[in-house]
Amino acid sequence: MAMTDTEFHHLADEMFQAIENAIESAIDDQDADVDIDASGNVLQLEFEDSSKIVINKQEPLHQIWVATRFGGYHFGYEGERWIDDRNGHEFMPFIIDSIDKQSGIKLDL
């Protein structure tokens, strides 16, 4: 059964909130400096070195797209998980690793 737009936004918003909460916790615990800009369908993280990770919802495709300094990635929802359609990586471990590689911040998600 195909996912509805409402289901897509609910799942994506839960994930965005989990990332924001983990980053805010890391900022407190690790004295990290991250600017979080959540507006509309985009969650943008800017780190101390001015590099960014941009996570955005692609509603027509029901995908989450991620741009890091290492490349762009497209995640679709499959069997209760967000999976990259090109390399099979799962979203949360991927985003935890990407934030660590890009900023040295270790998230607990």
PDB file of N, CA and C in Angstrom:
ATOM      1  N   MET A   1       0.832  -1.186   0.000  1.00  0.00           N
ATOM      2  CA  MET A   1       0.000   0.000   0.000  1.00  0.00           C
ATOM      3  C   MET A   1       0.874   1.246   0.000  1.00  0.00           C
ATOM      4  N   ALA A   2       0.569   2.196  -0.834  1.00  0.00           N
ATOM      5  CA  ALA A   2       1.380   3.404  -0.965  1.00  0.00           C
ATOM      6  C   ALA A   2       1.195   4.317   0.245  1.00  0.00           C
ATOM      7  N   MET A   3       2.258   4.999   0.585  1.00  0.00           N
ATOM      8  CA  MET A   3       2.236   5.947   1.686  1.00  0.00           C
ATOM      9  C   MET A   3       1.491   7.215   1.252  1.00  0.00           C
ATOM     10  N   THR A   4       0.689   7.772   2.147  1.00  0.00           N
ATOM     11  CA  THR A   4       0.021   9.041   1.844  1.00  0.00           C
ATOM     12  C   THR A   4       0.968  10.195   2.166  1.00  0.00           C
ATOM     13  N   ASP A   5       0.666  11.377   1.645  1.00  0.00           N
ATOM     14  CA  ASP A   5       1.464  12.565   1.953  1.00  0.00           C
ATOM     15  C   ASP A   5       1.460  12.832   3.457  1.00  0.00           C
ATOM     16  N   THR A   6       0.318  12.639   4.096  1.00  0.00           N
ATOM     17  CA  THR A   6       0.209  12.868   5.537  1.00  0.00           C
ATOM     18  C   THR A   6       1.127  11.920   6.309  1.00  0.00           C
ATOM     19  N   GLU A   7       1.121  10.643   5.941  1.00  0.00           N
ATOM     20  CA  GLU A   7       2.004   9.671   6.593  1.00  0.00           C
ATOM     21  C   GLU A   7       3.470  10.039   6.375  1.00  0.00           C
ATOM     22  N   PHE A   8       3.803  10.433   5.155  1.00  0.00           N
ATOM     23  CA  PHE A   8       5.170  10.833   4.841  1.00  0.00           C
ATOM     24  C   PHE A   8       5.622  11.978   5.742  1.00  0.00           C
ATOM     25  N   HIS A   9       4.805  13.027   5.826  1.00  0.00           N
ATOM     26  CA  HIS A   9       5.181  14.190   6.644  1.00  0.00           C
ATOM     27  C   HIS A   9       5.284  13.820   8.119  1.00  0.00           C
ATOM     28  N   HIS A  10       4.396  12.978   8.591  1.00  0.00           N
ATOM     29  CA  HIS A  10       4.448  12.550   9.992  1.00  0.00           C
ATOM     30  C   HIS A  10       5.772  11.824  10.284  1.00  0.00           C
ATOM     31  N   LEU A  11       6.127  10.870   9.441  1.00  0.00           N
ATOM     32  CA  LEU A  11       7.374  10.114   9.631  1.00  0.00           C
ATOM     33  C   LEU A  11       8.596  11.020   9.517  1.00  0.00           C
ATOM     34  N   ALA A  12       8.608  11.883   8.521  1.00  0.00           N
ATOM     35  CA  ALA A  12       9.749  12.780   8.326  1.00  0.00           C
ATOM     36  C   ALA A  12       9.868  13.776   9.474  1.00  0.00           C
ATOM     37  N   ASP A  13       8.739  14.329   9.914  1.00  0.00           N
ATOM     38  CA  ASP A  13       8.775  15.297  11.017  1.00  0.00           C
ATOM     39  C   ASP A  13       9.274  14.664  12.307  1.00  0.00           C
ATOM     40  N   GLU A  14       8.878  13.417  12.566  1.00  0.00           N
ATOM     41  CA  GLU A  14       9.390  12.702  13.745  1.00  0.00           C
ATOM     42  C   GLU A  14      10.912  12.572  13.679  1.00  0.00           C
ATOM     43  N   MET A  15      11.409  12.241  12.504  1.00  0.00           N
ATOM     44  CA  MET A  15      12.843  12.082  12.324  1.00  0.00           C
ATOM     45  C   MET A  15      13.569  13.415  12.484  1.00  0.00           C
ATOM     46  N   PHE A  16      13.037  14.478  11.873  1.00  0.00           N
ATOM     47  CA  PHE A  16      13.644  15.802  12.007  1.00  0.00           C
ATOM     48  C   PHE A  16      13.714  16.195  13.485  1.00  0.00           C
ATOM     49  N   GLN A  17      12.629  15.953  14.230  1.00  0.00           N
ATOM     50  CA  GLN A  17      12.588  16.309  15.649  1.00  0.00           C
ATOM     51  C   GLN A  17      13.614  15.510  16.445  1.00  0.00           C
ATOM     52  N   ALA A  18      13.757  14.230  16.142  1.00  0.00           N
ATOM     53  CA  ALA A  18      14.749  13.394  16.834  1.00  0.00           C
ATOM     54  C   ALA A  18      16.163  13.928  16.591  1.00  0.00           C
ATOM     55  N   ILE A  19      16.445  14.348  15.368  1.00  0.00           N
ATOM     56  CA  ILE A  19      17.770  14.909  15.048  1.00  0.00           C
ATOM     57  C   ILE A  19      17.991  16.204  15.806  1.00  0.00           C
ATOM     58  N   GLU A  20      17.003  17.089  15.777  1.00  0.00           N
ATOM     59  CA  GLU A  20      17.122  18.363  16.509  1.00  0.00           C
ATOM     60  C   GLU A  20      17.365  18.116  17.994  1.00  0.00           C
ATOM     61  N   ASN A  21      16.586  17.224  18.599  1.00  0.00           N
ATOM     62  CA  ASN A  21      16.740  16.936  20.030  1.00  0.00           C
ATOM     63  C   ASN A  21      18.132  16.393  20.339  1.00  0.00           C
ATOM     64  N   ALA A  22      18.624  15.474  19.492  1.00  0.00           N
ATOM     65  CA  ALA A  22      19.954  14.885  19.716  1.00  0.00           C
ATOM     66  C   ALA A  22      21.042  15.938  19.577  1.00  0.00           C
ATOM     67  N   ILE A  23      20.892  16.849  18.618  1.00  0.00           N
ATOM     68  CA  ILE A  23      21.900  17.901  18.441  1.00  0.00           C
ATOM     69  C   ILE A  23      21.875  18.862  19.623  1.00  0.00           C
ATOM     70  N   GLU A  24      20.686  19.235  20.075  1.00  0.00           N
ATOM     71  CA  GLU A  24      20.607  20.138  21.229  1.00  0.00           C
ATOM     72  C   GLU A  24      21.233  19.500  22.461  1.00  0.00           C
ATOM     73  N   SER A  25      21.041  18.210  22.637  1.00  0.00           N
ATOM     74  CA  SER A  25      21.657  17.494  23.742  1.00  0.00           C
ATOM     75  C   SER A  25      23.178  17.468  23.583  1.00  0.00           C
ATOM     76  N   ALA A  26      23.657  17.234  22.356  1.00  0.00           N
ATOM     77  CA  ALA A  26      25.105  17.209  22.089  1.00  0.00           C
ATOM     78  C   ALA A  26      25.726  18.585  22.303  1.00  0.00           C
ATOM     79  N   ILE A  27      24.996  19.636  21.948  1.00  0.00           N
ATOM     80  CA  ILE A  27      25.498  21.002  22.150  1.00  0.00           C
ATOM     81  C   ILE A  27      25.761  21.224  23.637  1.00  0.00           C
ATOM     82  N   ASP A  28      24.819  20.767  24.483  1.00  0.00           N
ATOM     83  CA  ASP A  28      24.975  20.919  25.933  1.00  0.00           C
ATOM     84  C   ASP A  28      26.100  20.042  26.466  1.00  0.00           C
ATOM     85  N   ASP A  29      26.152  18.771  26.030  1.00  0.00           N
ATOM     86  CA  ASP A  29      27.104  17.806  26.572  1.00  0.00           C
ATOM     87  C   ASP A  29      28.528  18.002  26.046  1.00  0.00           C
ATOM     88  N   GLN A  30      28.656  18.399  24.777  1.00  0.00           N
ATOM     89  CA  GLN A  30      29.967  18.441  24.134  1.00  0.00           C
ATOM     90  C   GLN A  30      30.451  19.862  23.857  1.00  0.00           C
ATOM     91  N   ASP A  31      29.706  20.846  24.345  1.00  0.00           N
ATOM     92  CA  ASP A  31      30.052  22.244  24.097  1.00  0.00           C
ATOM     93  C   ASP A  31      30.252  22.489  22.602  1.00  0.00           C
ATOM     94  N   ALA A  32      29.360  21.923  21.819  1.00  0.00           N
ATOM     95  CA  ALA A  32      29.431  22.044  20.362  1.00  0.00           C
ATOM     96  C   ALA A  32      28.707  23.306  19.908  1.00  0.00           C
ATOM     97  N   ASP A  33      29.046  23.759  18.732  1.00  0.00           N
ATOM     98  CA  ASP A  33      28.409  24.937  18.150  1.00  0.00           C
ATOM     99  C   ASP A  33      27.751  24.526  16.840  1.00  0.00           C
ATOM    100  N   VAL A  34      26.424  24.454  16.851  1.00  0.00           N
ATOM    101  CA  VAL A  34      25.662  24.080  15.666  1.00  0.00           C
ATOM    102  C   VAL A  34      24.477  25.024  15.562  1.00  0.00           C
ATOM    103  N   ASP A  35      24.300  25.608  14.392  1.00  0.00           N
ATOM    104  CA  ASP A  35      23.100  26.390  14.132  1.00  0.00           C
ATOM    105  C   ASP A  35      22.096  25.472  13.466  1.00  0.00           C
ATOM    106  N   ILE A  36      20.906  25.404  14.035  1.00  0.00           N
ATOM    107  CA  ILE A  36      19.832  24.571  13.499  1.00  0.00           C
ATOM    108  C   ILE A  36      18.780  25.491  12.913  1.00  0.00           C
ATOM    109  N   ASP A  37      18.484  25.300  11.630  1.00  0.00           N
ATOM    110  CA  ASP A  37      17.440  26.085  10.977  1.00  0.00           C
ATOM    111  C   ASP A  37      16.416  25.124  10.402  1.00  0.00           C
ATOM    112  N   ALA A  38      15.271  25.067  11.045  1.00  0.00           N
ATOM    113  CA  ALA A  38      14.186  24.206  10.568  1.00  0.00           C
ATOM    114  C   ALA A  38      13.089  25.102  10.029  1.00  0.00           C
ATOM    115  N   SER A  39      12.884  25.031   8.729  1.00  0.00           N
ATOM    116  CA  SER A  39      11.801  25.832   8.147  1.00  0.00           C
ATOM    117  C   SER A  39      11.174  25.057   7.004  1.00  0.00           C
ATOM    118  N   GLY A  40       9.865  24.913   7.087  1.00  0.00           N
ATOM    119  CA  GLY A  40       9.144  24.197   6.042  1.00  0.00           C
ATOM    120  C   GLY A  40       9.620  22.766   5.919  1.00  0.00           C
ATOM    121  N   ASN A  41      10.049  22.410   4.741  1.00  0.00           N
ATOM    122  CA  ASN A  41      10.469  21.040   4.457  1.00  0.00           C
ATOM    123  C   ASN A  41      11.968  20.826   4.614  1.00  0.00           C
ATOM    124  N   VAL A  42      12.681  21.808   5.201  1.00  0.00           N
ATOM    125  CA  VAL A  42      14.142  21.743   5.249  1.00  0.00           C
ATOM    126  C   VAL A  42      14.646  21.839   6.690  1.00  0.00           C
ATOM    127  N   LEU A  43      15.608  20.987   7.005  1.00  0.00           N
ATOM    128  CA  LEU A  43      16.350  21.060   8.262  1.00  0.00           C
ATOM    129  C   LEU A  43      17.807  21.280   7.878  1.00  0.00           C
ATOM    130  N   GLN A  44      18.332  22.449   8.246  1.00  0.00           N
ATOM    131  CA  GLN A  44      19.711  22.790   7.883  1.00  0.00           C
ATOM    132  C   GLN A  44      20.555  22.889   9.146  1.00  0.00           C
ATOM    133  N   LEU A  45      21.686  22.192   9.127  1.00  0.00           N
ATOM    134  CA  LEU A  45      22.631  22.205  10.239  1.00  0.00           C
ATOM    135  C   LEU A  45      23.901  22.889   9.765  1.00  0.00           C
ATOM    136  N   GLU A  46      24.311  23.933  10.475  1.00  0.00           N
ATOM    137  CA  GLU A  46      25.559  24.612  10.124  1.00  0.00           C
ATOM    138  C   GLU A  46      26.514  24.490  11.300  1.00  0.00           C
ATOM    139  N   PHE A  47      27.742  24.038  10.991  1.00  0.00           N
ATOM    140  CA  PHE A  47      28.723  23.734  12.023  1.00  0.00           C
ATOM    141  C   PHE A  47      29.743  24.865  12.173  1.00  0.00           C
ATOM    142  N   GLU A  48      30.627  24.729  13.168  1.00  0.00           N
ATOM    143  CA  GLU A  48      31.606  25.773  13.478  1.00  0.00           C
ATOM    144  C   GLU A  48      32.461  26.172  12.281  1.00  0.00           C
ATOM    145  N   ASP A  49      32.774  25.215  11.410  1.00  0.00           N
ATOM    146  CA  ASP A  49      33.631  25.509  10.259  1.00  0.00           C
ATOM    147  C   ASP A  49      32.834  26.051   9.068  1.00  0.00           C
ATOM    148  N   SER A  50      31.558  26.405   9.293  1.00  0.00           N
ATOM    149  CA  SER A  50      30.641  26.930   8.266  1.00  0.00           C
ATOM    150  C   SER A  50      30.164  25.879   7.273  1.00  0.00           C
ATOM    151  N   SER A  51      30.549  24.619   7.453  1.00  0.00           N
ATOM    152  CA  SER A  51      30.008  23.578   6.574  1.00  0.00           C
ATOM    153  C   SER A  51      28.577  23.281   7.005  1.00  0.00           C
ATOM    154  N   LYS A  52      27.819  22.710   6.090  1.00  0.00           N
ATOM    155  CA  LYS A  52      26.407  22.459   6.352  1.00  0.00           C
ATOM    156  C   LYS A  52      26.023  21.037   5.967  1.00  0.00           C
ATOM    157  N   ILE A  53      24.991  20.558   6.636  1.00  0.00           N
ATOM    158  CA  ILE A  53      24.256  19.379   6.205  1.00  0.00           C
ATOM    159  C   ILE A  53      22.817  19.852   6.037  1.00  0.00           C
ATOM    160  N   VAL A  54      22.268  19.592   4.862  1.00  0.00           N
ATOM    161  CA  VAL A  54      20.901  20.005   4.572  1.00  0.00           C
ATOM    162  C   VAL A  54      20.066  18.744   4.354  1.00  0.00           C
ATOM    163  N   ILE A  55      18.983  18.672   5.110  1.00  0.00           N
ATOM    164  CA  ILE A  55      18.068  17.529   5.023  1.00  0.00           C
ATOM    165  C   ILE A  55      16.728  18.098   4.584  1.00  0.00           C
ATOM    166  N   ASN A  56      16.181  17.578   3.487  1.00  0.00           N
ATOM    167  CA  ASN A  56      14.889  18.117   3.074  1.00  0.00           C
ATOM    168  C   ASN A  56      13.942  17.029   2.599  1.00  0.00           C
ATOM    169  N   LYS A  57      12.670  17.369   2.780  1.00  0.00           N
ATOM    170  CA  LYS A  57      11.598  16.458   2.389  1.00  0.00           C
ATOM    171  C   LYS A  57      11.256  16.692   0.922  1.00  0.00           C
ATOM    172  N   GLN A  58      11.239  15.618   0.163  1.00  0.00           N
ATOM    173  CA  GLN A  58      10.807  15.657  -1.229  1.00  0.00           C
ATOM    174  C   GLN A  58       9.435  14.983  -1.290  1.00  0.00           C
ATOM    175  N   GLU A  59       8.405  15.779  -1.015  1.00  0.00           N
ATOM    176  CA  GLU A  59       7.056  15.225  -0.893  1.00  0.00           C
ATOM    177  C   GLU A  59       6.586  14.470  -2.132  1.00  0.00           C
ATOM    178  N   PRO A  60       6.780  15.002  -3.346  1.00  0.00           N
ATOM    179  CA  PRO A  60       6.266  14.270  -4.513  1.00  0.00           C
ATOM    180  C   PRO A  60       6.840  12.858  -4.641  1.00  0.00           C
ATOM    181  N   LEU A  61       8.075  12.673  -4.167  1.00  0.00           N
ATOM    182  CA  LEU A  61       8.728  11.370  -4.257  1.00  0.00           C
ATOM    183  C   LEU A  61       8.634  10.560  -2.969  1.00  0.00           C
ATOM    184  N   HIS A  62       8.137  11.196  -1.897  1.00  0.00           N
ATOM    185  CA  HIS A  62       8.120  10.596  -0.566  1.00  0.00           C
ATOM    186  C   HIS A  62       9.524  10.145  -0.175  1.00  0.00           C
ATOM    187  N   GLN A  63      10.485  11.050  -0.387  1.00  0.00           N
ATOM    188  CA  GLN A  63      11.878  10.774  -0.044  1.00  0.00           C
ATOM    189  C   GLN A  63      12.426  11.889   0.846  1.00  0.00           C
ATOM    190  N   ILE A  64      13.498  11.548   1.550  1.00  0.00           N
ATOM    191  CA  ILE A  64      14.284  12.513   2.302  1.00  0.00           C
ATOM    192  C   ILE A  64      15.614  12.632   1.575  1.00  0.00           C
ATOM    193  N   TRP A  65      15.965  13.852   1.201  1.00  0.00           N
ATOM    194  CA  TRP A  65      17.244  14.084   0.531  1.00  0.00           C
ATOM    195  C   TRP A  65      18.193  14.736   1.509  1.00  0.00           C
ATOM    196  N   VAL A  66      19.459  14.296   1.471  1.00  0.00           N
ATOM    197  CA  VAL A  66      20.481  14.807   2.367  1.00  0.00           C
ATOM    198  C   VAL A  66      21.673  15.271   1.540  1.00  0.00           C
ATOM    199  N   ALA A  67      22.120  16.488   1.810  1.00  0.00           N
ATOM    200  CA  ALA A  67      23.339  17.009   1.184  1.00  0.00           C
ATOM    201  C   ALA A  67      24.371  17.221   2.294  1.00  0.00           C
ATOM    202  N   THR A  68      25.518  16.546   2.150  1.00  0.00           N
ATOM    203  CA  THR A  68      26.637  16.729   3.078  1.00  0.00           C
ATOM    204  C   THR A  68      27.830  17.218   2.270  1.00  0.00           C
ATOM    205  N   ARG A  69      28.902  17.493   2.945  1.00  0.00           N
ATOM    206  CA  ARG A  69      30.086  17.920   2.201  1.00  0.00           C
ATOM    207  C   ARG A  69      30.668  16.747   1.406  1.00  0.00           C
ATOM    208  N   PHE A  70      30.196  15.543   1.675  1.00  0.00           N
ATOM    209  CA  PHE A  70      30.697  14.347   0.996  1.00  0.00           C
ATOM    210  C   PHE A  70      29.829  13.905  -0.175  1.00  0.00           C
ATOM    211  N   GLY A  71      28.640  14.504  -0.326  1.00  0.00           N
ATOM    212  CA  GLY A  71      27.772  14.122  -1.433  1.00  0.00           C
ATOM    213  C   GLY A  71      26.304  14.253  -1.098  1.00  0.00           C
ATOM    214  N   GLY A  72      25.471  13.849  -2.054  1.00  0.00           N
ATOM    215  CA  GLY A  72      24.022  13.906  -1.887  1.00  0.00           C
ATOM    216  C   GLY A  72      23.448  12.500  -1.824  1.00  0.00           C
ATOM    217  N   TYR A  73      22.386  12.351  -1.047  1.00  0.00           N
ATOM    218  CA  TYR A  73      21.814  11.037  -0.797  1.00  0.00           C
ATOM    219  C   TYR A  73      20.290  11.135  -0.799  1.00  0.00           C
ATOM    220  N   HIS A  74      19.625  10.088  -1.239  1.00  0.00           N
ATOM    221  CA  HIS A  74      18.168  10.047  -1.326  1.00  0.00           C
ATOM    222  C   HIS A  74      17.659   8.835  -0.554  1.00  0.00           C
ATOM    223  N   PHE A  75      16.814   9.085   0.445  1.00  0.00           N
ATOM    224  CA  PHE A  75      16.300   8.024   1.301  1.00  0.00           C
ATOM    225  C   PHE A  75      14.801   7.850   1.091  1.00  0.00           C
ATOM    226  N   GLY A  76      14.389   6.613   0.847  1.00  0.00           N
ATOM    227  CA  GLY A  76      12.977   6.263   0.748  1.00  0.00           C
ATOM    228  C   GLY A  76      12.599   5.374   1.916  1.00  0.00           C
ATOM    229  N   TYR A  77      11.331   5.370   2.258  1.00  0.00           N
ATOM    230  CA  TYR A  77      10.859   4.582   3.398  1.00  0.00           C
ATOM    231  C   TYR A  77      10.543   3.162   2.955  1.00  0.00           C
ATOM    232  N   GLU A  78      11.258   2.202   3.550  1.00  0.00           N
ATOM    233  CA  GLU A  78      11.088   0.791   3.188  1.00  0.00           C
ATOM    234  C   GLU A  78      11.060  -0.049   4.457  1.00  0.00           C
ATOM    235  N   GLY A  79       9.966  -0.733   4.672  1.00  0.00           N
ATOM    236  CA  GLY A  79       9.895  -1.674   5.798  1.00  0.00           C
ATOM    237  C   GLY A  79      10.250  -1.071   7.135  1.00  0.00           C
ATOM    238  N   GLU A  80       9.666   0.069   7.468  1.00  0.00           N
ATOM    239  CA  GLU A  80       9.874   0.730   8.766  1.00  0.00           C
ATOM    240  C   GLU A  80      11.198   1.479   8.893  1.00  0.00           C
ATOM    241  N   ARG A  81      11.940   1.636   7.804  1.00  0.00           N
ATOM    242  CA  ARG A  81      13.230   2.343   7.876  1.00  0.00           C
ATOM    243  C   ARG A  81      13.403   3.220   6.642  1.00  0.00           C
ATOM    244  N   TRP A  82      14.189   4.281   6.800  1.00  0.00           N
ATOM    245  CA  TRP A  82      14.569   5.127   5.670  1.00  0.00           C
ATOM    246  C   TRP A  82      15.875   4.580   5.108  1.00  0.00           C
ATOM    247  N   ILE A  83      15.864   4.185   3.826  1.00  0.00           N
ATOM    248  CA  ILE A  83      17.010   3.534   3.189  1.00  0.00           C
ATOM    249  C   ILE A  83      17.434   4.328   1.955  1.00  0.00           C
ATOM    250  N   ASP A  84      18.760   4.550   1.816  1.00  0.00           N
ATOM    251  CA  ASP A  84      19.280   5.247   0.632  1.00  0.00           C
ATOM    252  C   ASP A  84      19.053   4.375  -0.598  1.00  0.00           C
ATOM    253  N   ASP A  85      18.469   4.967  -1.629  1.00  0.00           N
ATOM    254  CA  ASP A  85      18.117   4.175  -2.812  1.00  0.00           C
ATOM    255  C   ASP A  85      19.307   3.805  -3.685  1.00  0.00           C
ATOM    256  N   ARG A  86      20.486   4.332  -3.389  1.00  0.00           N
ATOM    257  CA  ARG A  86      21.658   3.984  -4.194  1.00  0.00           C
ATOM    258  C   ARG A  86      22.625   3.049  -3.494  1.00  0.00           C
ATOM    259  N   ASN A  87      22.788   3.227  -2.167  1.00  0.00           N
ATOM    260  CA  ASN A  87      23.797   2.398  -1.497  1.00  0.00           C
ATOM    261  C   ASN A  87      23.241   1.528  -0.376  1.00  0.00           C
ATOM    262  N   GLY A  88      21.939   1.641  -0.091  1.00  0.00           N
ATOM    263  CA  GLY A  88      21.329   0.781   0.909  1.00  0.00           C
ATOM    264  C   GLY A  88      21.564   1.182   2.350  1.00  0.00           C
ATOM    265  N   HIS A  89      22.233   2.316   2.589  1.00  0.00           N
ATOM    266  CA  HIS A  89      22.472   2.750   3.968  1.00  0.00           C
ATOM    267  C   HIS A  89      21.173   3.176   4.636  1.00  0.00           C
ATOM    268  N   GLU A  90      21.084   2.911   5.939  1.00  0.00           N
ATOM    269  CA  GLU A  90      19.934   3.345   6.714  1.00  0.00           C
ATOM    270  C   GLU A  90      20.167   4.787   7.178  1.00  0.00           C
ATOM    271  N   PHE A  91      19.095   5.590   7.206  1.00  0.00           N
ATOM    272  CA  PHE A  91      19.218   7.023   7.453  1.00  0.00           C
ATOM    273  C   PHE A  91      19.888   7.375   8.782  1.00  0.00           C
ATOM    274  N   MET A  92      19.353   6.890   9.905  1.00  0.00           N
ATOM    275  CA  MET A  92      19.874   7.355  11.203  1.00  0.00           C
ATOM    276  C   MET A  92      21.351   7.038  11.405  1.00  0.00           C
ATOM    277  N   PRO A  93      21.804   5.805  11.189  1.00  0.00           N
ATOM    278  CA  PRO A  93      23.254   5.572  11.314  1.00  0.00           C
ATOM    279  C   PRO A  93      24.057   6.443  10.346  1.00  0.00           C
ATOM    280  N   PHE A  94      23.525   6.644   9.145  1.00  0.00           N
ATOM    281  CA  PHE A  94      24.204   7.481   8.157  1.00  0.00           C
ATOM    282  C   PHE A  94      24.329   8.917   8.655  1.00  0.00           C
ATOM    283  N   ILE A  95      23.238   9.492   9.176  1.00  0.00           N
ATOM    284  CA  ILE A  95      23.277  10.895   9.588  1.00  0.00           C
ATOM    285  C   ILE A  95      24.163  11.071  10.824  1.00  0.00           C
ATOM    286  N   ILE A  96      24.144  10.103  11.739  1.00  0.00           N
ATOM    287  CA  ILE A  96      25.024  10.149  12.916  1.00  0.00           C
ATOM    288  C   ILE A  96      26.481  10.166  12.461  1.00  0.00           C
ATOM    289  N   ASP A  97      26.825   9.275  11.533  1.00  0.00           N
ATOM    290  CA  ASP A  97      28.192   9.185  11.014  1.00  0.00           C
ATOM    291  C   ASP A  97      28.574  10.451  10.240  1.00  0.00           C
ATOM    292  N   SER A  98      27.662  10.974   9.444  1.00  0.00           N
ATOM    293  CA  SER A  98      27.954  12.173   8.646  1.00  0.00           C
ATOM    294  C   SER A  98      28.209  13.388   9.535  1.00  0.00           C
ATOM    295  N   ILE A  99      27.396  13.546  10.576  1.00  0.00           N
ATOM    296  CA  ILE A  99      27.588  14.677  11.491  1.00  0.00           C
ATOM    297  C   ILE A  99      28.920  14.539  12.217  1.00  0.00           C
ATOM    298  N   ASP A 100      29.260  13.324  12.637  1.00  0.00           N
ATOM    299  CA  ASP A 100      30.543  13.080  13.292  1.00  0.00           C
ATOM    300  C   ASP A 100      31.706  13.403  12.352  1.00  0.00           C
ATOM    301  N   LYS A 101      31.656  12.884  11.119  1.00  0.00           N
ATOM    302  CA  LYS A 101      32.745  13.123  10.158  1.00  0.00           C
ATOM    303  C   LYS A 101      32.876  14.610   9.818  1.00  0.00           C
ATOM    304  N   GLN A 102      31.757  15.296   9.701  1.00  0.00           N
ATOM    305  CA  GLN A 102      31.790  16.676   9.260  1.00  0.00           C
ATOM    306  C   GLN A 102      32.098  17.649  10.388  1.00  0.00           C
ATOM    307  N   SER A 103      31.726  17.295  11.635  1.00  0.00           N
ATOM    308  CA  SER A 103      31.868  18.274  12.720  1.00  0.00           C
ATOM    309  C   SER A 103      32.562  17.744  13.967  1.00  0.00           C
ATOM    310  N   GLY A 104      32.711  16.422  14.069  1.00  0.00           N
ATOM    311  CA  GLY A 104      33.266  15.827  15.277  1.00  0.00           C
ATOM    312  C   GLY A 104      32.253  15.675  16.406  1.00  0.00           C
ATOM    313  N   ILE A 105      30.997  16.041  16.131  1.00  0.00           N
ATOM    314  CA  ILE A 105      29.936  15.928  17.140  1.00  0.00           C
ATOM    315  C   ILE A 105      29.372  14.508  17.113  1.00  0.00           C
ATOM    316  N   LYS A 106      29.298  13.903  18.287  1.00  0.00           N
ATOM    317  CA  LYS A 106      28.780  12.544  18.390  1.00  0.00           C
ATOM    318  C   LYS A 106      27.359  12.611  18.934  1.00  0.00           C
ATOM    319  N   LEU A 107      26.417  12.126  18.110  1.00  0.00           N
ATOM    320  CA  LEU A 107      25.017  12.152  18.504  1.00  0.00           C
ATOM    321  C   LEU A 107      24.603  10.838  19.136  1.00  0.00           C
ATOM    322  N   ASP A 108      23.676  10.932  20.073  1.00  0.00           N
ATOM    323  CA  ASP A 108      23.067   9.758  20.670  1.00  0.00           C
ATOM    324  C   ASP A 108      21.641   9.691  20.185  1.00  0.00           C
ATOM    325  N   LEU A 109      21.434   8.914  19.115  1.00  0.00           N
ATOM    326  CA  LEU A 109      20.099   8.791  18.511  1.00  0.00           C
ATOM    327  C   LEU A 109      19.635   7.362  18.557  1.00  0.00           C
TER     328      LEU A 109
END
